C-alpha cells in the first residue's frame, strides 16, 4: 500500500535508501538518459597498457600517436583514482576508438578495436 501511494504522488520524494550504479528519473517527460558502467577496470587497463606498448606498430603520424598516448594515460590515471570519473574515461575511450578506426587497415589497430568494443 505504501509503494502504491509513493507512485501515485506526483513529484513527491521517494526514499530509496541506497543506490549504486543506477539512475532515477522522475517527472521528466521527454527526457533521455544513459548510464555506462565499467565493471572490469583491471581488464581495461591491461588492454590499454598493451596498446601503449604496441602503439608504434599502428602506423600513426606523430600527432595521432601523441593524442593516443595522452588519451590512454588519461584513462589509466582515472582508473587509479579512488573515485574514477566515468565520463572522462568514456570520452577518452571514444577518442582512442576514433584514432584506431583511422588506422583500421592495420591488424594491430583492428585487434585493439575489437578488444575495446565491449567497453562502449
PDB file of N, CA and C in Angstrom:
ATOM      1  N   UNK A   1       0.827  -1.185   0.000  1.00  0.00           N
ATOM      2  CA  UNK A   1       0.000   0.000   0.000  1.00  0.00           C
ATOM      3  C   UNK A   1       0.874   1.253   0.000  1.00  0.00           C
ATOM      4  N   UNK A   2       1.969   1.264   0.789  1.00  0.00           N
ATOM      5  CA  UNK A   2       2.879   2.410   0.824  1.00  0.00           C
ATOM      6  C   UNK A   2       3.481   2.655  -0.546  1.00  0.00           C
ATOM      7  N   UNK A   3       3.886   1.591  -1.210  1.00  0.00           N
ATOM      8  CA  UNK A   3       4.507   1.722  -2.524  1.00  0.00           C
ATOM      9  C   UNK A   3       3.513   2.345  -3.502  1.00  0.00           C
ATOM     10  N   UNK A   4       2.286   1.936  -3.441  1.00  0.00           N
ATOM     11  CA  UNK A   4       1.269   2.469  -4.329  1.00  0.00           C
ATOM     12  C   UNK A   4       1.091   3.965  -4.089  1.00  0.00           C
ATOM     13  N   UNK A   5       1.093   4.380  -2.842  1.00  0.00           N
ATOM     14  CA  UNK A   5       0.973   5.801  -2.512  1.00  0.00           C
ATOM     15  C   UNK A   5       2.160   6.577  -3.069  1.00  0.00           C
ATOM     16  N   UNK A   6       3.346   6.020  -2.939  1.00  0.00           N
ATOM     17  CA  UNK A   6       4.550   6.707  -3.413  1.00  0.00           C
ATOM     18  C   UNK A   6       4.499   6.902  -4.919  1.00  0.00           C
ATOM     19  N   UNK A   7       4.036   5.913  -5.637  1.00  0.00           N
ATOM     20  CA  UNK A   7       3.956   6.009  -7.085  1.00  0.00           C
ATOM     21  C   UNK A   7       2.895   7.017  -7.499  1.00  0.00           C
ATOM     22  N   UNK A   8       1.823   7.091  -6.764  1.00  0.00           N
ATOM     23  CA  UNK A   8       0.731   7.988  -7.120  1.00  0.00           C
ATOM     24  C   UNK A   8       1.015   9.451  -6.794  1.00  0.00           C
ATOM     25  N   UNK A   9       1.909   9.723  -5.881  1.00  0.00           N
ATOM     26  CA  UNK A   9       2.206  11.110  -5.560  1.00  0.00           C
ATOM     27  C   UNK A   9       3.003  11.701  -6.704  1.00  0.00           C
ATOM     28  N   UNK A  10       2.526  12.765  -7.241  1.00  0.00           N
ATOM     29  CA  UNK A  10       3.147  13.379  -8.408  1.00  0.00           C
ATOM     30  C   UNK A  10       4.228  14.357  -7.971  1.00  0.00           C
ATOM     31  N   UNK A  11       5.479  14.053  -8.276  1.00  0.00           N
ATOM     32  CA  UNK A  11       6.575  14.948  -7.942  1.00  0.00           C
ATOM     33  C   UNK A  11       7.029  14.856  -6.501  1.00  0.00           C
ATOM     34  N   UNK A  12       6.509  13.905  -5.734  1.00  0.00           N
ATOM     35  CA  UNK A  12       6.906  13.761  -4.341  1.00  0.00           C
ATOM     36  C   UNK A  12       8.273  13.129  -4.214  1.00  0.00           C
ATOM     37  N   UNK A  13       8.777  13.079  -3.020  1.00  0.00           N
ATOM     38  CA  UNK A  13      10.082  12.497  -2.753  1.00  0.00           C
ATOM     39  C   UNK A  13       9.893  11.046  -2.347  1.00  0.00           C
ATOM     40  N   UNK A  14      10.657  10.177  -2.950  1.00  0.00           N
ATOM     41  CA  UNK A  14      10.616   8.756  -2.629  1.00  0.00           C
ATOM     42  C   UNK A  14      11.946   8.388  -2.004  1.00  0.00           C
ATOM     43  N   UNK A  15      11.909   7.813  -0.808  1.00  0.00           N
ATOM     44  CA  UNK A  15      13.126   7.409  -0.126  1.00  0.00           C
ATOM     45  C   UNK A  15      13.517   6.018  -0.605  1.00  0.00           C
ATOM     46  N   UNK A  16      14.635   5.937  -1.282  1.00  0.00           N
ATOM     47  CA  UNK A  16      15.100   4.672  -1.839  1.00  0.00           C
ATOM     48  C   UNK A  16      16.039   3.961  -0.878  1.00  0.00           C
ATOM     49  N   UNK A  17      16.659   4.673  -0.009  1.00  0.00           N
ATOM     50  CA  UNK A  17      17.654   4.080   0.869  1.00  0.00           C
ATOM     51  C   UNK A  17      19.017   4.290   0.254  1.00  0.00           C
ATOM     52  N   UNK A  18      19.603   3.248  -0.315  1.00  0.00           N
ATOM     53  CA  UNK A  18      20.881   3.411  -1.002  1.00  0.00           C
ATOM     54  C   UNK A  18      20.753   2.887  -2.428  1.00  0.00           C
ATOM     55  N   UNK A  19      21.549   3.470  -3.307  1.00  0.00           N
ATOM     56  CA  UNK A  19      21.506   3.077  -4.702  1.00  0.00           C
ATOM     57  C   UNK A  19      22.905   3.262  -5.267  1.00  0.00           C
ATOM     58  N   UNK A  20      23.352   2.321  -6.061  1.00  0.00           N
ATOM     59  CA  UNK A  20      24.628   2.486  -6.744  1.00  0.00           C
ATOM     60  C   UNK A  20      24.516   1.914  -8.144  1.00  0.00           C
ATOM     61  N   UNK A  21      25.270   2.523  -9.068  1.00  0.00           N
ATOM     62  CA  UNK A  21      25.252   2.113 -10.463  1.00  0.00           C
ATOM     63  C   UNK A  21      23.838   2.066 -11.041  1.00  0.00           C
ATOM     64  N   UNK A  22      23.021   3.018 -10.637  1.00  0.00           N
ATOM     65  CA  UNK A  22      21.643   3.101 -11.092  1.00  0.00           C
ATOM     66  C   UNK A  22      21.308   4.546 -11.404  1.00  0.00           C
ATOM     67  N   UNK A  23      20.181   4.716 -12.044  1.00  0.00           N
ATOM     68  CA  UNK A  23      19.706   6.051 -12.331  1.00  0.00           C
ATOM     69  C   UNK A  23      18.253   6.168 -11.912  1.00  0.00           C
ATOM     70  N   UNK A  24      17.855   7.371 -11.598  1.00  0.00           N
ATOM     71  CA  UNK A  24      16.472   7.651 -11.255  1.00  0.00           C
ATOM     72  C   UNK A  24      16.067   8.909 -11.999  1.00  0.00           C
ATOM     73  N   UNK A  25      14.969   8.811 -12.688  1.00  0.00           N
ATOM     74  CA  UNK A  25      14.446   9.967 -13.414  1.00  0.00           C
ATOM     75  C   UNK A  25      12.984  10.076 -13.042  1.00  0.00           C
ATOM     76  N   UNK A  26      12.604  11.205 -12.513  1.00  0.00           N
ATOM     77  CA  UNK A  26      11.242  11.368 -12.014  1.00  0.00           C
ATOM     78  C   UNK A  26      10.652  12.657 -12.547  1.00  0.00           C
ATOM     79  N   UNK A  27       9.408  12.578 -13.005  1.00  0.00           N
ATOM     80  CA  UNK A  27       8.680  13.743 -13.507  1.00  0.00           C
ATOM     81  C   UNK A  27       9.498  14.507 -14.542  1.00  0.00           C
ATOM     82  N   UNK A  28      10.031  13.779 -15.513  1.00  0.00           N
ATOM     83  CA  UNK A  28      10.860  14.376 -16.558  1.00  0.00           C
ATOM     84  C   UNK A  28      10.387  13.895 -17.927  1.00  0.00           C
ATOM     85  N   UNK A  29       9.217  14.368 -18.352  1.00  0.00           N
ATOM     86  CA  UNK A  29       8.703  13.898 -19.642  1.00  0.00           C
ATOM     87  C   UNK A  29       9.638  14.304 -20.790  1.00  0.00           C
ATOM     88  N   UNK A  30       9.737  13.431 -21.772  1.00  0.00           N
ATOM     89  CA  UNK A  30      10.544  13.651 -22.970  1.00  0.00           C
ATOM     90  C   UNK A  30      12.043  13.714 -22.669  1.00  0.00           C
ATOM     91  N   UNK A  31      12.466  13.176 -21.560  1.00  0.00           N
ATOM     92  CA  UNK A  31      13.879  13.177 -21.195  1.00  0.00           C
ATOM     93  C   UNK A  31      14.534  11.874 -21.623  1.00  0.00           C
ATOM     94  N   UNK A  32      15.811  11.944 -21.809  1.00  0.00           N
ATOM     95  CA  UNK A  32      16.611  10.764 -22.110  1.00  0.00           C
ATOM     96  C   UNK A  32      17.755  10.707 -21.120  1.00  0.00           C
ATOM     97  N   UNK A  33      18.197   9.509 -20.840  1.00  0.00           N
ATOM     98  CA  UNK A  33      19.375   9.360 -20.009  1.00  0.00           C
ATOM     99  C   UNK A  33      20.098   8.083 -20.407  1.00  0.00           C
ATOM    100  N   UNK A  34      21.351   8.050 -20.097  1.00  0.00           N
ATOM    101  CA  UNK A  34      22.155   6.876 -20.392  1.00  0.00           C
ATOM    102  C   UNK A  34      23.087   6.625 -19.227  1.00  0.00           C
ATOM    103  N   UNK A  35      23.498   5.392 -19.095  1.00  0.00           N
ATOM    104  CA  UNK A  35      24.390   5.025 -18.000  1.00  0.00           C
ATOM    105  C   UNK A  35      25.408   4.026 -18.528  1.00  0.00           C
ATOM    106  N   UNK A  36      26.657   4.347 -18.328  1.00  0.00           N
ATOM    107  CA  UNK A  36      27.729   3.440 -18.702  1.00  0.00           C
ATOM    108  C   UNK A  36      28.485   3.068 -17.436  1.00  0.00           C
ATOM    109  N   UNK A  37      28.588   1.787 -17.206  1.00  0.00           N
ATOM    110  CA  UNK A  37      29.299   1.296 -16.028  1.00  0.00           C
ATOM    111  C   UNK A  37      30.458   0.432 -16.510  1.00  0.00           C
ATOM    112  N   UNK A  38      31.628   0.757 -16.042  1.00  0.00           N
ATOM    113  CA  UNK A  38      32.793  -0.046 -16.400  1.00  0.00           C
ATOM    114  C   UNK A  38      33.120  -0.903 -15.189  1.00  0.00           C
ATOM    115  N   UNK A  39      32.730  -2.168 -15.280  1.00  0.00           N
ATOM    116  CA  UNK A  39      32.913  -3.076 -14.145  1.00  0.00           C
ATOM    117  C   UNK A  39      34.306  -3.685 -14.080  1.00  0.00           C
ATOM    118  N   UNK A  40      34.928  -3.858 -15.227  1.00  0.00           N
ATOM    119  CA  UNK A  40      36.202  -4.572 -15.263  1.00  0.00           C
ATOM    120  C   UNK A  40      37.333  -3.606 -15.607  1.00  0.00           C
ATOM    121  N   UNK A  41      37.614  -2.694 -14.712  1.00  0.00           N
ATOM    122  CA  UNK A  41      38.620  -1.663 -14.950  1.00  0.00           C
ATOM    123  C   UNK A  41      40.016  -2.271 -15.079  1.00  0.00           C
ATOM    124  N   UNK A  42      40.271  -3.376 -14.372  1.00  0.00           N
ATOM    125  CA  UNK A  42      41.580  -4.032 -14.468  1.00  0.00           C
ATOM    126  C   UNK A  42      41.821  -4.566 -15.877  1.00  0.00           C
ATOM    127  N   UNK A  43      40.799  -5.154 -16.460  1.00  0.00           N
ATOM    128  CA  UNK A  43      40.909  -5.666 -17.828  1.00  0.00           C
ATOM    129  C   UNK A  43      41.122  -4.523 -18.815  1.00  0.00           C
ATOM    130  N   UNK A  44      40.389  -3.435 -18.625  1.00  0.00           N
ATOM    131  CA  UNK A  44      40.550  -2.262 -19.483  1.00  0.00           C
ATOM    132  C   UNK A  44      41.977  -1.735 -19.397  1.00  0.00           C
ATOM    133  N   UNK A  45      42.501  -1.625 -18.199  1.00  0.00           N
ATOM    134  CA  UNK A  45      43.874  -1.130 -18.007  1.00  0.00           C
ATOM    135  C   UNK A  45      44.891  -2.055 -18.665  1.00  0.00           C
ATOM    136  N   UNK A  46      44.658  -3.339 -18.572  1.00  0.00           N
ATOM    137  CA  UNK A  46      45.555  -4.303 -19.205  1.00  0.00           C
ATOM    138  C   UNK A  46      45.573  -4.111 -20.726  1.00  0.00           C
ATOM    139  N   UNK A  47      44.408  -3.944 -21.312  1.00  0.00           N
ATOM    140  CA  UNK A  47      44.305  -3.711 -22.758  1.00  0.00           C
ATOM    141  C   UNK A  47      45.015  -2.414 -23.128  1.00  0.00           C
ATOM    142  N   UNK A  48      44.780  -1.368 -22.352  1.00  0.00           N
ATOM    143  CA  UNK A  48      45.382  -0.066 -22.667  1.00  0.00           C
ATOM    144  C   UNK A  48      46.901  -0.075 -22.482  1.00  0.00           C
ATOM    145  N   UNK A  49      47.393  -0.777 -21.485  1.00  0.00           N
ATOM    146  CA  UNK A  49      48.847  -0.892 -21.313  1.00  0.00           C
ATOM    147  C   UNK A  49      49.469  -1.638 -22.491  1.00  0.00           C
ATOM    148  N   UNK A  50      48.776  -2.658 -22.965  1.00  0.00           N
ATOM    149  CA  UNK A  50      49.248  -3.390 -24.133  1.00  0.00           C
ATOM    150  C   UNK A  50      49.209  -2.498 -25.374  1.00  0.00           C
ATOM    151  N   UNK A  51      48.140  -1.718 -25.521  1.00  0.00           N
ATOM    152  CA  UNK A  51      48.024  -0.775 -26.638  1.00  0.00           C
ATOM    153  C   UNK A  51      49.171   0.228 -26.605  1.00  0.00           C
ATOM    154  N   UNK A  52      49.448   0.716 -25.425  1.00  0.00           N
ATOM    155  CA  UNK A  52      50.534   1.697 -25.266  1.00  0.00           C
ATOM    156  C   UNK A  52      51.874   1.104 -25.703  1.00  0.00           C
ATOM    157  N   UNK A  53      52.129  -0.131 -25.337  1.00  0.00           N
ATOM    158  CA  UNK A  53      53.413  -0.750 -25.683  1.00  0.00           C
ATOM    159  C   UNK A  53      53.514  -1.094 -27.171  1.00  0.00           C
ATOM    160  N   UNK A  54      52.370  -1.246 -27.841  1.00  0.00           N
ATOM    161  CA  UNK A  54      52.388  -1.597 -29.268  1.00  0.00           C
ATOM    162  C   UNK A  54      51.989  -0.428 -30.164  1.00  0.00           C
ATOM    163  N   UNK A  55      51.862   0.754 -29.589  1.00  0.00           N
ATOM    164  CA  UNK A  55      51.373   1.893 -30.367  1.00  0.00           C
ATOM    165  C   UNK A  55      52.269   2.238 -31.554  1.00  0.00           C
ATOM    166  N   UNK A  56      53.559   1.941 -31.460  1.00  0.00           N
ATOM    167  CA  UNK A  56      54.459   2.233 -32.575  1.00  0.00           C
ATOM    168  C   UNK A  56      54.163   1.341 -33.786  1.00  0.00           C
ATOM    169  N   UNK A  57      53.441   0.255 -33.579  1.00  0.00           N
ATOM    170  CA  UNK A  57      53.104  -0.667 -34.659  1.00  0.00           C
ATOM    171  C   UNK A  57      51.826  -0.262 -35.399  1.00  0.00           C
ATOM    172  N   UNK A  58      51.193   0.824 -34.975  1.00  0.00           N
ATOM    173  CA  UNK A  58      49.908   1.225 -35.548  1.00  0.00           C
ATOM    174  C   UNK A  58      50.046   2.046 -36.822  1.00  0.00           C
ATOM    175  N   UNK A  59      51.241   2.523 -37.102  1.00  0.00           N
ATOM    176  CA  UNK A  59      51.451   3.328 -38.296  1.00  0.00           C
ATOM    177  C   UNK A  59      50.809   4.700 -38.212  1.00  0.00           C
ATOM    178  N   UNK A  60      50.750   5.264 -37.023  1.00  0.00           N
ATOM    179  CA  UNK A  60      50.143   6.577 -36.820  1.00  0.00           C
ATOM    180  C   UNK A  60      51.163   7.679 -37.063  1.00  0.00           C
ATOM    181  N   UNK A  61      50.664   8.846 -37.472  1.00  0.00           N
ATOM    182  CA  UNK A  61      51.522  10.020 -37.549  1.00  0.00           C
ATOM    183  C   UNK A  61      51.862  10.497 -36.153  1.00  0.00           C
ATOM    184  N   UNK A  62      52.801  11.423 -36.067  1.00  0.00           N
ATOM    185  CA  UNK A  62      53.253  11.913 -34.754  1.00  0.00           C
ATOM    186  C   UNK A  62      52.113  12.486 -33.921  1.00  0.00           C
ATOM    187  N   UNK A  63      51.277  13.311 -34.533  1.00  0.00           N
ATOM    188  CA  UNK A  63      50.188  13.950 -33.780  1.00  0.00           C
ATOM    189  C   UNK A  63      49.190  12.916 -33.272  1.00  0.00           C
ATOM    190  N   UNK A  64      48.801  11.987 -34.132  1.00  0.00           N
ATOM    191  CA  UNK A  64      47.857  10.938 -33.711  1.00  0.00           C
ATOM    192  C   UNK A  64      48.468  10.052 -32.638  1.00  0.00           C
ATOM    193  N   UNK A  65      49.750   9.769 -32.781  1.00  0.00           N
ATOM    194  CA  UNK A  65      50.437   8.945 -31.779  1.00  0.00           C
ATOM    195  C   UNK A  65      50.456   9.648 -30.422  1.00  0.00           C
ATOM    196  N   UNK A  66      50.734  10.944 -30.420  1.00  0.00           N
ATOM    197  CA  UNK A  66      50.749  11.712 -29.169  1.00  0.00           C
ATOM    198  C   UNK A  66      49.352  11.786 -28.562  1.00  0.00           C
ATOM    199  N   UNK A  67      48.345  11.981 -29.408  1.00  0.00           N
ATOM    200  CA  UNK A  67      46.970  12.041 -28.905  1.00  0.00           C
ATOM    201  C   UNK A  67      46.567  10.699 -28.296  1.00  0.00           C
ATOM    202  N   UNK A  68      46.891   9.616 -28.980  1.00  0.00           N
ATOM    203  CA  UNK A  68      46.579   8.284 -28.459  1.00  0.00           C
ATOM    204  C   UNK A  68      47.244   8.070 -27.106  1.00  0.00           C
ATOM    205  N   UNK A  69      48.513   8.409 -27.010  1.00  0.00           N
ATOM    206  CA  UNK A  69      49.251   8.250 -25.762  1.00  0.00           C
ATOM    207  C   UNK A  69      48.613   9.066 -24.637  1.00  0.00           C
ATOM    208  N   UNK A  70      48.215  10.273 -24.942  1.00  0.00           N
ATOM    209  CA  UNK A  70      47.587  11.144 -23.941  1.00  0.00           C
ATOM    210  C   UNK A  70      46.245  10.581 -23.468  1.00  0.00           C
ATOM    211  N   UNK A  71      45.450  10.098 -24.402  1.00  0.00           N
ATOM    212  CA  UNK A  71      44.137   9.548 -24.036  1.00  0.00           C
ATOM    213  C   UNK A  71      44.281   8.263 -23.216  1.00  0.00           C
ATOM    214  N   UNK A  72      45.228   7.423 -23.595  1.00  0.00           N
ATOM    215  CA  UNK A  72      45.478   6.198 -22.827  1.00  0.00           C
ATOM    216  C   UNK A  72      45.920   6.562 -21.413  1.00  0.00           C
ATOM    217  N   UNK A  73      46.834   7.516 -21.302  1.00  0.00           N
ATOM    218  CA  UNK A  73      47.306   7.954 -19.978  1.00  0.00           C
ATOM    219  C   UNK A  73      46.164   8.517 -19.145  1.00  0.00           C
ATOM    220  N   UNK A  74      45.257   9.253 -19.778  1.00  0.00           N
ATOM    221  CA  UNK A  74      44.107   9.822 -19.059  1.00  0.00           C
ATOM    222  C   UNK A  74      43.258   8.716 -18.437  1.00  0.00           C
ATOM    223  N   UNK A  75      42.978   7.688 -19.211  1.00  0.00           N
ATOM    224  CA  UNK A  75      42.174   6.576 -18.687  1.00  0.00           C
ATOM    225  C   UNK A  75      42.914   5.871 -17.552  1.00  0.00           C
ATOM    226  N   UNK A  76      44.196   5.627 -17.742  1.00  0.00           N
ATOM    227  CA  UNK A  76      44.967   4.928 -16.714  1.00  0.00           C
ATOM    228  C   UNK A  76      45.043   5.724 -15.412  1.00  0.00           C
ATOM    229  N   UNK A  77      45.179   7.044 -15.521  1.00  0.00           N
ATOM    230  CA  UNK A  77      45.198   7.895 -14.320  1.00  0.00           C
ATOM    231  C   UNK A  77      43.831   7.858 -13.634  1.00  0.00           C
ATOM    232  N   UNK A  78      42.764   7.969 -14.405  1.00  0.00           N
ATOM    233  CA  UNK A  78      41.416   7.920 -13.823  1.00  0.00           C
ATOM    234  C   UNK A  78      41.161   6.565 -13.149  1.00  0.00           C
ATOM    235  N   UNK A  79      41.664   5.511 -13.756  1.00  0.00           N
ATOM    236  CA  UNK A  79      41.451   4.165 -13.202  1.00  0.00           C
ATOM    237  C   UNK A  79      42.103   4.008 -11.838  1.00  0.00           C
ATOM    238  N   UNK A  80      43.172   4.742 -11.579  1.00  0.00           N
ATOM    239  CA  UNK A  80      43.868   4.669 -10.282  1.00  0.00           C
ATOM    240  C   UNK A  80      43.187   5.511  -9.210  1.00  0.00           C
ATOM    241  N   UNK A  81      42.309   6.402  -9.643  1.00  0.00           N
ATOM    242  CA  UNK A  81      41.642   7.297  -8.700  1.00  0.00           C
ATOM    243  C   UNK A  81      40.678   6.523  -7.800  1.00  0.00           C
ATOM    244  N   UNK A  82      40.543   6.941  -6.541  1.00  0.00           N
ATOM    245  CA  UNK A  82      39.559   6.281  -5.675  1.00  0.00           C
ATOM    246  C   UNK A  82      38.122   6.521  -6.147  1.00  0.00           C
ATOM    247  N   UNK A  83      37.936   7.604  -6.910  1.00  0.00           N
ATOM    248  CA  UNK A  83      36.622   7.909  -7.480  1.00  0.00           C
ATOM    249  C   UNK A  83      36.796   8.254  -8.962  1.00  0.00           C
ATOM    250  N   UNK A  84      37.041   7.219  -9.791  1.00  0.00           N
ATOM    251  CA  UNK A  84      37.270   7.491 -11.209  1.00  0.00           C
ATOM    252  C   UNK A  84      36.037   8.131 -11.847  1.00  0.00           C
ATOM    253  N   UNK A  85      36.280   9.082 -12.709  1.00  0.00           N
ATOM    254  CA  UNK A  85      35.198   9.795 -13.392  1.00  0.00           C
ATOM    255  C   UNK A  85      34.882   9.079 -14.691  1.00  0.00           C
ATOM    256  N   UNK A  86      33.753   8.380 -14.679  1.00  0.00           N
ATOM    257  CA  UNK A  86      33.347   7.566 -15.817  1.00  0.00           C
ATOM    258  C   UNK A  86      33.230   8.386 -17.087  1.00  0.00           C
ATOM    259  N   UNK A  87      32.720   9.611 -16.991  1.00  0.00           N
ATOM    260  CA  UNK A  87      32.566  10.439 -18.187  1.00  0.00           C
ATOM    261  C   UNK A  87      33.911  10.719 -18.846  1.00  0.00           C
ATOM    262  N   UNK A  88      34.931  10.971 -18.052  1.00  0.00           N
ATOM    263  CA  UNK A  88      36.263  11.235 -18.600  1.00  0.00           C
ATOM    264  C   UNK A  88      36.801   9.963 -19.256  1.00  0.00           C
ATOM    265  N   UNK A  89      36.615   8.839 -18.609  1.00  0.00           N
ATOM    266  CA  UNK A  89      37.072   7.566 -19.175  1.00  0.00           C
ATOM    267  C   UNK A  89      36.371   7.294 -20.501  1.00  0.00           C
ATOM    268  N   UNK A  90      35.068   7.466 -20.539  1.00  0.00           N
ATOM    269  CA  UNK A  90      34.296   7.186 -21.758  1.00  0.00           C
ATOM    270  C   UNK A  90      34.723   8.108 -22.893  1.00  0.00           C
ATOM    271  N   UNK A  91      34.899   9.387 -22.607  1.00  0.00           N
ATOM    272  CA  UNK A  91      35.305  10.322 -23.661  1.00  0.00           C
ATOM    273  C   UNK A  91      36.701   9.987 -24.181  1.00  0.00           C
ATOM    274  N   UNK A  92      37.600   9.607 -23.297  1.00  0.00           N
ATOM    275  CA  UNK A  92      38.943   9.199 -23.730  1.00  0.00           C
ATOM    276  C   UNK A  92      38.879   7.925 -24.558  1.00  0.00           C
ATOM    277  N   UNK A  93      38.034   6.979 -24.155  1.00  0.00           N
ATOM    278  CA  UNK A  93      37.881   5.746 -24.927  1.00  0.00           C
ATOM    279  C   UNK A  93      37.308   6.027 -26.317  1.00  0.00           C
ATOM    280  N   UNK A  94      36.396   6.986 -26.395  1.00  0.00           N
ATOM    281  CA  UNK A  94      35.851   7.365 -27.707  1.00  0.00           C
ATOM    282  C   UNK A  94      36.954   7.942 -28.594  1.00  0.00           C
ATOM    283  N   UNK A  95      37.806   8.767 -28.017  1.00  0.00           N
ATOM    284  CA  UNK A  95      38.924   9.329 -28.782  1.00  0.00           C
ATOM    285  C   UNK A  95      39.879   8.224 -29.232  1.00  0.00           C
ATOM    286  N   UNK A  96      40.157   7.281 -28.336  1.00  0.00           N
ATOM    287  CA  UNK A  96      41.026   6.152 -28.680  1.00  0.00           C
ATOM    288  C   UNK A  96      40.406   5.362 -29.828  1.00  0.00           C
ATOM    289  N   UNK A  97      39.112   5.112 -29.744  1.00  0.00           N
ATOM    290  CA  UNK A  97      38.423   4.384 -30.812  1.00  0.00           C
ATOM    291  C   UNK A  97      38.557   5.113 -32.144  1.00  0.00           C
ATOM    292  N   UNK A  98      38.345   6.430 -32.139  1.00  0.00           N
ATOM    293  CA  UNK A  98      38.449   7.217 -33.373  1.00  0.00           C
ATOM    294  C   UNK A  98      39.849   7.120 -33.978  1.00  0.00           C
ATOM    295  N   UNK A  99      40.856   7.205 -33.137  1.00  0.00           N
ATOM    296  CA  UNK A  99      42.247   7.098 -33.615  1.00  0.00           C
ATOM    297  C   UNK A  99      42.504   5.717 -34.200  1.00  0.00           C
ATOM    298  N   UNK A 100      42.028   4.677 -33.515  1.00  0.00           N
ATOM    299  CA  UNK A 100      42.231   3.313 -34.004  1.00  0.00           C
ATOM    300  C   UNK A 100      41.446   3.064 -35.289  1.00  0.00           C
ATOM    301  N   UNK A 101      40.256   3.647 -35.404  1.00  0.00           N
ATOM    302  CA  UNK A 101      39.465   3.486 -36.621  1.00  0.00           C
ATOM    303  C   UNK A 101      40.183   4.091 -37.819  1.00  0.00           C
ATOM    304  N   UNK A 102      40.899   5.186 -37.596  1.00  0.00           N
ATOM    305  CA  UNK A 102      41.665   5.812 -38.677  1.00  0.00           C
ATOM    306  C   UNK A 102      42.797   4.896 -39.142  1.00  0.00           C
ATOM    307  N   UNK A 103      43.234   4.018 -38.267  1.00  0.00           N
ATOM    308  CA  UNK A 103      44.306   3.075 -38.605  1.00  0.00           C
ATOM    309  C   UNK A 103      43.735   1.664 -38.776  1.00  0.00           C
ATOM    310  N   UNK A 104      42.441   1.586 -39.099  1.00  0.00           N
ATOM    311  CA  UNK A 104      41.736   0.303 -39.104  1.00  0.00           C
ATOM    312  C   UNK A 104      42.307  -0.715 -40.076  1.00  0.00           C
ATOM    313  N   UNK A 105      43.012  -0.274 -41.121  1.00  0.00           N
ATOM    314  CA  UNK A 105      43.624  -1.216 -42.039  1.00  0.00           C
ATOM    315  C   UNK A 105      44.767  -1.967 -41.378  1.00  0.00           C
ATOM    316  N   UNK A 106      45.209  -1.464 -40.261  1.00  0.00           N
ATOM    317  CA  UNK A 106      46.308  -2.064 -39.522  1.00  0.00           C
ATOM    318  C   UNK A 106      45.764  -3.202 -38.658  1.00  0.00           C
ATOM    319  N   UNK A 107      46.375  -4.358 -38.737  1.00  0.00           N
ATOM    320  CA  UNK A 107      45.918  -5.539 -37.989  1.00  0.00           C
ATOM    321  C   UNK A 107      45.953  -5.296 -36.487  1.00  0.00           C
ATOM    322  N   UNK A 108      46.987  -4.634 -35.998  1.00  0.00           N
ATOM    323  CA  UNK A 108      47.111  -4.356 -34.561  1.00  0.00           C
ATOM    324  C   UNK A 108      45.973  -3.437 -34.116  1.00  0.00           C
ATOM    325  N   UNK A 109      45.700  -2.395 -34.897  1.00  0.00           N
ATOM    326  CA  UNK A 109      44.614  -1.458 -34.560  1.00  0.00           C
ATOM    327  C   UNK A 109      43.279  -2.182 -34.531  1.00  0.00           C
ATOM    328  N   UNK A 110      43.027  -3.037 -35.510  1.00  0.00           N
ATOM    329  CA  UNK A 110      41.770  -3.782 -35.564  1.00  0.00           C
ATOM    330  C   UNK A 110      41.599  -4.687 -34.349  1.00  0.00           C
ATOM    331  N   UNK A 111      42.692  -5.287 -33.925  1.00  0.00           N
ATOM    332  CA  UNK A 111      42.653  -6.150 -32.750  1.00  0.00           C
ATOM    333  C   UNK A 111      42.261  -5.358 -31.500  1.00  0.00           C
ATOM    334  N   UNK A 112      42.861  -4.183 -31.335  1.00  0.00           N
ATOM    335  CA  UNK A 112      42.538  -3.369 -30.159  1.00  0.00           C
ATOM    336  C   UNK A 112      41.120  -2.814 -30.238  1.00  0.00           C
ATOM    337  N   UNK A 113      40.658  -2.465 -31.430  1.00  0.00           N
ATOM    338  CA  UNK A 113      39.266  -2.010 -31.585  1.00  0.00           C
ATOM    339  C   UNK A 113      38.307  -3.093 -31.113  1.00  0.00           C
ATOM    340  N   UNK A 114      38.601  -4.309 -31.497  1.00  0.00           N
ATOM    341  CA  UNK A 114      37.764  -5.442 -31.092  1.00  0.00           C
ATOM    342  C   UNK A 114      37.770  -5.624 -29.578  1.00  0.00           C
ATOM    343  N   UNK A 115      38.941  -5.546 -28.967  1.00  0.00           N
ATOM    344  CA  UNK A 115      39.054  -5.725 -27.515  1.00  0.00           C
ATOM    345  C   UNK A 115      38.351  -4.617 -26.742  1.00  0.00           C
ATOM    346  N   UNK A 116      38.452  -3.387 -27.253  1.00  0.00           N
ATOM    347  CA  UNK A 116      37.853  -2.250 -26.547  1.00  0.00           C
ATOM    348  C   UNK A 116      36.353  -2.153 -26.791  1.00  0.00           C
ATOM    349  N   UNK A 117      35.863  -2.851 -27.800  1.00  0.00           N
ATOM    350  CA  UNK A 117      34.447  -2.773 -28.156  1.00  0.00           C
ATOM    351  C   UNK A 117      33.494  -3.099 -27.024  1.00  0.00           C
ATOM    352  N   UNK A 118      33.876  -3.948 -26.129  1.00  0.00           N
ATOM    353  CA  UNK A 118      32.972  -4.328 -25.030  1.00  0.00           C
ATOM    354  C   UNK A 118      32.820  -3.245 -23.966  1.00  0.00           C
ATOM    355  N   UNK A 119      33.653  -2.202 -24.033  1.00  0.00           N
ATOM    356  CA  UNK A 119      33.567  -1.132 -23.042  1.00  0.00           C
ATOM    357  C   UNK A 119      32.724   0.045 -23.525  1.00  0.00           C
ATOM    358  N   UNK A 120      32.134  -0.081 -24.711  1.00  0.00           N
ATOM    359  CA  UNK A 120      31.291   1.012 -25.250  1.00  0.00           C
ATOM    360  C   UNK A 120      29.863   0.562 -25.288  1.00  0.00           C
TER     361      UNK A 120
END
